[in-house]
PDB file of N, CA and C in Angstrom:
ATOM      1  N   UNK A   1       0.837  -1.179  -0.011  1.00  0.00           N
ATOM      2  CA  UNK A   1       0.006  -0.019  -0.012  1.00  0.00           C
ATOM      3  C   UNK A   1       0.888   1.246   0.033  1.00  0.00           C
ATOM      4  N   UNK A   2       0.576   2.209  -0.781  1.00  0.00           N
ATOM      5  CA  UNK A   2       1.327   3.456  -0.848  1.00  0.00           C
ATOM      6  C   UNK A   2       0.990   4.282   0.388  1.00  0.00           C
ATOM      7  N   UNK A   3       2.071   4.783   1.066  1.00  0.00           N
ATOM      8  CA  UNK A   3       1.924   5.717   2.152  1.00  0.00           C
ATOM      9  C   UNK A   3       2.978   6.777   1.990  1.00  0.00           C
ATOM     10  N   UNK A   4       2.691   7.980   2.530  1.00  0.00           N
ATOM     11  CA  UNK A   4       3.654   9.049   2.535  1.00  0.00           C
ATOM     12  C   UNK A   4       4.027   9.347   3.978  1.00  0.00           C
ATOM     13  N   UNK A   5       5.269   9.370   4.236  1.00  0.00           N
ATOM     14  CA  UNK A   5       5.840   9.657   5.554  1.00  0.00           C
ATOM     15  C   UNK A   5       6.415  11.052   5.545  1.00  0.00           C
ATOM     16  N   UNK A   6       6.096  11.848   6.570  1.00  0.00           N
ATOM     17  CA  UNK A   6       6.708  13.153   6.669  1.00  0.00           C
ATOM     18  C   UNK A   6       6.972  13.458   8.123  1.00  0.00           C
ATOM     19  N   UNK A   7       7.803  14.408   8.374  1.00  0.00           N
ATOM     20  CA  UNK A   7       8.163  14.857   9.725  1.00  0.00           C
ATOM     21  C   UNK A   7       7.293  16.060  10.051  1.00  0.00           C
ATOM     22  N   UNK A   8       6.477  15.891  11.039  1.00  0.00           N
ATOM     23  CA  UNK A   8       5.583  17.015  11.524  1.00  0.00           C
ATOM     24  C   UNK A   8       6.158  17.674  12.733  1.00  0.00           C
ATOM     25  N   UNK A   9       5.473  18.636  13.291  1.00  0.00           N
ATOM     26  CA  UNK A   9       5.916  19.357  14.458  1.00  0.00           C
ATOM     27  C   UNK A   9       5.972  18.476  15.692  1.00  0.00           C
ATOM     28  N   UNK A  10       5.119  17.424  15.705  1.00  0.00           N
ATOM     29  CA  UNK A  10       5.094  16.530  16.882  1.00  0.00           C
ATOM     30  C   UNK A  10       5.592  15.141  16.593  1.00  0.00           C
ATOM     31  N   UNK A  11       6.432  14.994  15.573  1.00  0.00           N
ATOM     32  CA  UNK A  11       6.951  13.708  15.197  1.00  0.00           C
ATOM     33  C   UNK A  11       6.580  13.309  13.791  1.00  0.00           C
ATOM     34  N   UNK A  12       6.627  12.021  13.520  1.00  0.00           N
ATOM     35  CA  UNK A  12       6.348  11.530  12.200  1.00  0.00           C
ATOM     36  C   UNK A  12       4.845  11.451  11.963  1.00  0.00           C
ATOM     37  N   UNK A  13       4.444  11.666  10.692  1.00  0.00           N
ATOM     38  CA  UNK A  13       3.063  11.511  10.309  1.00  0.00           C
ATOM     39  C   UNK A  13       2.983  10.663   9.045  1.00  0.00           C
ATOM     40  N   UNK A  14       1.873   9.968   8.868  1.00  0.00           N
ATOM     41  CA  UNK A  14       1.707   9.096   7.700  1.00  0.00           C
ATOM     42  C   UNK A  14       0.385   9.505   7.014  1.00  0.00           C
ATOM     43  N   UNK A  15       0.403   9.515   5.685  1.00  0.00           N
ATOM     44  CA  UNK A  15      -0.752   9.746   4.886  1.00  0.00           C
ATOM     45  C   UNK A  15      -0.958   8.580   3.942  1.00  0.00           C
ATOM     46  N   UNK A  16      -2.153   8.009   3.957  1.00  0.00           N
ATOM     47  CA  UNK A  16      -2.551   6.847   3.121  1.00  0.00           C
ATOM     48  C   UNK A  16      -3.528   7.376   2.067  1.00  0.00           C
ATOM     49  N   UNK A  17      -3.015   7.688   0.851  1.00  0.00           N
ATOM     50  CA  UNK A  17      -3.887   8.289  -0.152  1.00  0.00           C
ATOM     51  C   UNK A  17      -5.089   7.436  -0.541  1.00  0.00           C
ATOM     52  N   UNK A  18      -4.941   6.143  -0.602  1.00  0.00           N
ATOM     53  CA  UNK A  18      -6.031   5.229  -1.007  1.00  0.00           C
ATOM     54  C   UNK A  18      -7.235   5.332  -0.039  1.00  0.00           C
ATOM     55  N   UNK A  19      -6.973   5.653   1.220  1.00  0.00           N
ATOM     56  CA  UNK A  19      -8.019   5.770   2.229  1.00  0.00           C
ATOM     57  C   UNK A  19      -8.244   7.209   2.641  1.00  0.00           C
ATOM     58  N   UNK A  20      -7.519   8.161   2.024  1.00  0.00           N
ATOM     59  CA  UNK A  20      -7.574   9.594   2.430  1.00  0.00           C
ATOM     60  C   UNK A  20      -7.471   9.747   3.962  1.00  0.00           C
ATOM     61  N   UNK A  21      -6.439   9.092   4.463  1.00  0.00           N
ATOM     62  CA  UNK A  21      -6.246   9.010   5.939  1.00  0.00           C
ATOM     63  C   UNK A  21      -4.897   9.638   6.290  1.00  0.00           C
ATOM     64  N   UNK A  22      -4.882  10.540   7.227  1.00  0.00           N
ATOM     65  CA  UNK A  22      -3.659  11.131   7.748  1.00  0.00           C
ATOM     66  C   UNK A  22      -3.659  10.934   9.224  1.00  0.00           C
ATOM     67  N   UNK A  23      -2.597  10.280   9.765  1.00  0.00           N
ATOM     68  CA  UNK A  23      -2.498   9.961  11.177  1.00  0.00           C
ATOM     69  C   UNK A  23      -1.095  10.138  11.656  1.00  0.00           C
ATOM     70  N   UNK A  24      -0.899  10.486  12.901  1.00  0.00           N
ATOM     71  CA  UNK A  24       0.456  10.522  13.468  1.00  0.00           C
ATOM     72  C   UNK A  24       0.977   9.123  13.728  1.00  0.00           C
ATOM     73  N   UNK A  25       2.284   8.956  13.638  1.00  0.00           N
ATOM     74  CA  UNK A  25       2.912   7.664  13.967  1.00  0.00           C
ATOM     75  C   UNK A  25       3.057   7.704  15.502  1.00  0.00           C
ATOM     76  N   UNK A  26       2.451   6.715  16.171  1.00  0.00           N
ATOM     77  CA  UNK A  26       2.445   6.710  17.615  1.00  0.00           C
ATOM     78  C   UNK A  26       3.491   5.725  18.216  1.00  0.00           C
ATOM     79  N   UNK A  27       3.937   4.786  17.418  1.00  0.00           N
ATOM     80  CA  UNK A  27       4.943   3.795  17.909  1.00  0.00           C
ATOM     81  C   UNK A  27       5.705   3.276  16.696  1.00  0.00           C
ATOM     82  N   UNK A  28       6.941   2.882  16.963  1.00  0.00           N
ATOM     83  CA  UNK A  28       7.761   2.289  15.902  1.00  0.00           C
ATOM     84  C   UNK A  28       8.722   1.292  16.558  1.00  0.00           C
ATOM     85  N   UNK A  29       8.974   0.250  15.775  1.00  0.00           N
ATOM     86  CA  UNK A  29       9.931  -0.803  16.278  1.00  0.00           C
ATOM     87  C   UNK A  29      11.329  -0.215  16.384  1.00  0.00           C
ATOM     88  N   UNK A  30      11.694   0.636  15.433  1.00  0.00           N
ATOM     89  CA  UNK A  30      13.031   1.210  15.392  1.00  0.00           C
ATOM     90  C   UNK A  30      12.902   2.747  15.390  1.00  0.00           C
ATOM     91  N   UNK A  31      13.808   3.453  16.061  1.00  0.00           N
ATOM     92  CA  UNK A  31      13.706   4.914  16.216  1.00  0.00           C
ATOM     93  C   UNK A  31      13.713   5.682  14.896  1.00  0.00           C
ATOM     94  N   UNK A  32      14.354   5.166  13.859  1.00  0.00           N
ATOM     95  CA  UNK A  32      14.419   5.909  12.576  1.00  0.00           C
ATOM     96  C   UNK A  32      13.379   5.387  11.585  1.00  0.00           C
ATOM     97  N   UNK A  33      12.404   4.570  11.996  1.00  0.00           N
ATOM     98  CA  UNK A  33      11.298   4.030  11.267  1.00  0.00           C
ATOM     99  C   UNK A  33      11.590   2.937  10.279  1.00  0.00           C
ATOM    100  N   UNK A  34      12.782   2.896   9.728  1.00  0.00           N
ATOM    101  CA  UNK A  34      13.087   1.988   8.600  1.00  0.00           C
ATOM    102  C   UNK A  34      13.483   0.603   9.045  1.00  0.00           C
ATOM    103  N   UNK A  35      12.915  -0.409   8.383  1.00  0.00           N
ATOM    104  CA  UNK A  35      13.280  -1.818   8.603  1.00  0.00           C
ATOM    105  C   UNK A  35      12.500  -2.525   9.678  1.00  0.00           C
ATOM    106  N   UNK A  36      11.479  -1.892  10.229  1.00  0.00           N
ATOM    107  CA  UNK A  36      10.648  -2.441  11.257  1.00  0.00           C
ATOM    108  C   UNK A  36       9.193  -2.074  11.002  1.00  0.00           C
ATOM    109  N   UNK A  37       8.406  -2.044  12.045  1.00  0.00           N
ATOM    110  CA  UNK A  37       6.998  -1.677  11.873  1.00  0.00           C
ATOM    111  C   UNK A  37       6.776  -0.307  12.504  1.00  0.00           C
ATOM    112  N   UNK A  38       5.708   0.350  11.970  1.00  0.00           N
ATOM    113  CA  UNK A  38       5.245   1.610  12.607  1.00  0.00           C
ATOM    114  C   UNK A  38       3.760   1.387  12.900  1.00  0.00           C
ATOM    115  N   UNK A  39       3.263   2.103  13.910  1.00  0.00           N
ATOM    116  CA  UNK A  39       1.866   2.063  14.272  1.00  0.00           C
ATOM    117  C   UNK A  39       1.271   3.477  14.215  1.00  0.00           C
ATOM    118  N   UNK A  40       0.143   3.639  13.597  1.00  0.00           N
ATOM    119  CA  UNK A  40      -0.540   4.890  13.501  1.00  0.00           C
ATOM    120  C   UNK A  40      -1.525   5.055  14.660  1.00  0.00           C
ATOM    121  N   UNK A  41      -1.990   6.279  14.857  1.00  0.00           N
ATOM    122  CA  UNK A  41      -2.918   6.560  15.950  1.00  0.00           C
ATOM    123  C   UNK A  41      -4.207   5.756  15.853  1.00  0.00           C
ATOM    124  N   UNK A  42      -4.645   5.343  14.665  1.00  0.00           N
ATOM    125  CA  UNK A  42      -5.855   4.581  14.501  1.00  0.00           C
ATOM    126  C   UNK A  42      -5.628   3.086  14.726  1.00  0.00           C
ATOM    127  N   UNK A  43      -4.368   2.681  15.017  1.00  0.00           N
ATOM    128  CA  UNK A  43      -4.099   1.260  15.297  1.00  0.00           C
ATOM    129  C   UNK A  43      -3.487   0.446  14.152  1.00  0.00           C
ATOM    130  N   UNK A  44      -3.496   1.058  12.925  1.00  0.00           N
ATOM    131  CA  UNK A  44      -2.935   0.353  11.798  1.00  0.00           C
ATOM    132  C   UNK A  44      -1.412   0.256  11.960  1.00  0.00           C
ATOM    133  N   UNK A  45      -0.915  -0.936  11.630  1.00  0.00           N
ATOM    134  CA  UNK A  45       0.553  -1.198  11.596  1.00  0.00           C
ATOM    135  C   UNK A  45       1.025  -1.464  10.204  1.00  0.00           C
ATOM    136  N   UNK A  46       2.175  -0.900   9.869  1.00  0.00           N
ATOM    137  CA  UNK A  46       2.785  -1.087   8.561  1.00  0.00           C
ATOM    138  C   UNK A  46       4.188  -1.615   8.702  1.00  0.00           C
ATOM    139  N   UNK A  47       4.568  -2.510   7.877  1.00  0.00           N
ATOM    140  CA  UNK A  47       5.964  -3.031   7.812  1.00  0.00           C
ATOM    141  C   UNK A  47       6.726  -2.080   6.848  1.00  0.00           C
ATOM    142  N   UNK A  48       7.742  -1.460   7.399  1.00  0.00           N
ATOM    143  CA  UNK A  48       8.498  -0.435   6.613  1.00  0.00           C
ATOM    144  C   UNK A  48       9.711  -1.068   5.933  1.00  0.00           C
ATOM    145  N   UNK A  49      10.022  -0.608   4.748  1.00  0.00           N
ATOM    146  CA  UNK A  49      11.250  -1.154   4.039  1.00  0.00           C
ATOM    147  C   UNK A  49      12.534  -0.692   4.695  1.00  0.00           C
ATOM    148  N   UNK A  50      13.600  -1.382   4.468  1.00  0.00           N
ATOM    149  CA  UNK A  50      14.905  -0.959   4.913  1.00  0.00           C
ATOM    150  C   UNK A  50      15.374   0.196   4.121  1.00  0.00           C
ATOM    151  N   UNK A  51      15.760   1.294   4.792  1.00  0.00           N
ATOM    152  CA  UNK A  51      16.263   2.459   4.102  1.00  0.00           C
ATOM    153  C   UNK A  51      17.282   3.123   5.048  1.00  0.00           C
ATOM    154  N   UNK A  52      18.178   3.947   4.474  1.00  0.00           N
ATOM    155  CA  UNK A  52      19.158   4.665   5.336  1.00  0.00           C
ATOM    156  C   UNK A  52      18.426   5.613   6.294  1.00  0.00           C
ATOM    157  N   UNK A  53      18.958   5.769   7.488  1.00  0.00           N
ATOM    158  CA  UNK A  53      18.380   6.703   8.477  1.00  0.00           C
ATOM    159  C   UNK A  53      18.289   8.113   7.988  1.00  0.00           C
ATOM    160  N   UNK A  54      19.169   8.506   7.079  1.00  0.00           N
ATOM    161  CA  UNK A  54      19.154   9.899   6.617  1.00  0.00           C
ATOM    162  C   UNK A  54      18.304  10.087   5.374  1.00  0.00           C
ATOM    163  N   UNK A  55      17.354   9.171   5.083  1.00  0.00           N
ATOM    164  CA  UNK A  55      16.479   9.307   3.952  1.00  0.00           C
ATOM    165  C   UNK A  55      15.697  10.599   4.064  1.00  0.00           C
ATOM    166  N   UNK A  56      15.699  11.424   3.027  1.00  0.00           N
ATOM    167  CA  UNK A  56      14.944  12.722   3.099  1.00  0.00           C
ATOM    168  C   UNK A  56      13.419  12.476   3.052  1.00  0.00           C
ATOM    169  N   UNK A  57      12.727  13.311   3.866  1.00  0.00           N
ATOM    170  CA  UNK A  57      11.297  13.280   3.958  1.00  0.00           C
ATOM    171  C   UNK A  57      10.731  14.582   3.451  1.00  0.00           C
ATOM    172  N   UNK A  58       9.526  14.656   2.920  1.00  0.00           N
ATOM    173  CA  UNK A  58       8.498  13.608   2.817  1.00  0.00           C
ATOM    174  C   UNK A  58       8.916  12.574   1.743  1.00  0.00           C
ATOM    175  N   UNK A  59       8.360  11.360   1.906  1.00  0.00           N
ATOM    176  CA  UNK A  59       8.670  10.266   1.000  1.00  0.00           C
ATOM    177  C   UNK A  59       7.459   9.353   0.843  1.00  0.00           C
ATOM    178  N   UNK A  60       7.084   9.085  -0.395  1.00  0.00           N
ATOM    179  CA  UNK A  60       5.990   8.124  -0.667  1.00  0.00           C
ATOM    180  C   UNK A  60       6.645   6.791  -0.984  1.00  0.00           C
ATOM    181  N   UNK A  61       6.119   5.735  -0.344  1.00  0.00           N
ATOM    182  CA  UNK A  61       6.739   4.409  -0.500  1.00  0.00           C
ATOM    183  C   UNK A  61       5.650   3.333  -0.386  1.00  0.00           C
ATOM    184  N   UNK A  62       6.058   2.128  -0.727  1.00  0.00           N
ATOM    185  CA  UNK A  62       5.187   0.976  -0.568  1.00  0.00           C
ATOM    186  C   UNK A  62       5.459   0.321   0.799  1.00  0.00           C
ATOM    187  N   UNK A  63       4.417   0.170   1.586  1.00  0.00           N
ATOM    188  CA  UNK A  63       4.564  -0.455   2.918  1.00  0.00           C
ATOM    189  C   UNK A  63       3.451  -1.467   3.043  1.00  0.00           C
ATOM    190  N   UNK A  64       3.684  -2.583   3.694  1.00  0.00           N
ATOM    191  CA  UNK A  64       2.686  -3.616   3.793  1.00  0.00           C
ATOM    192  C   UNK A  64       1.927  -3.427   5.156  1.00  0.00           C
ATOM    193  N   UNK A  65       0.596  -3.322   5.070  1.00  0.00           N
ATOM    194  CA  UNK A  65      -0.173  -3.226   6.295  1.00  0.00           C
ATOM    195  C   UNK A  65      -0.248  -4.576   6.940  1.00  0.00           C
ATOM    196  N   UNK A  66       0.182  -4.661   8.226  1.00  0.00           N
ATOM    197  CA  UNK A  66       0.230  -5.940   8.897  1.00  0.00           C
ATOM    198  C   UNK A  66      -0.830  -6.032  10.041  1.00  0.00           C
ATOM    199  N   UNK A  67      -1.515  -4.924  10.308  1.00  0.00           N
ATOM    200  CA  UNK A  67      -2.559  -4.944  11.305  1.00  0.00           C
ATOM    201  C   UNK A  67      -3.512  -3.783  11.099  1.00  0.00           C
ATOM    202  N   UNK A  68      -4.786  -3.974  11.381  1.00  0.00           N
ATOM    203  CA  UNK A  68      -5.773  -2.967  11.269  1.00  0.00           C
ATOM    204  C   UNK A  68      -6.197  -2.410  12.605  1.00  0.00           C
ATOM    205  N   UNK A  69      -5.554  -2.839  13.679  1.00  0.00           N
ATOM    206  CA  UNK A  69      -5.835  -2.350  14.974  1.00  0.00           C
ATOM    207  C   UNK A  69      -7.033  -2.995  15.677  1.00  0.00           C
ATOM    208  N   UNK A  70      -7.586  -4.031  15.068  1.00  0.00           N
ATOM    209  CA  UNK A  70      -8.739  -4.717  15.666  1.00  0.00           C
ATOM    210  C   UNK A  70      -8.330  -5.724  16.705  1.00  0.00           C
TER     211      UNK A  70
END
């Protein structure tokens, strides 16, 4: 699923264009987001690809949704 990650004033934010959903990232497996999972405020979890920590943001990428928060 395509998602856009950006750095907001209160941390990372994710936008899912297919669902017109914008949510803050509330938890992550790794501090720099890449190579682990992230969790959005609505409970969705995405598996993030491996990328360098210094990857410039905002960035649109393919991430696999692994949980819907149910």
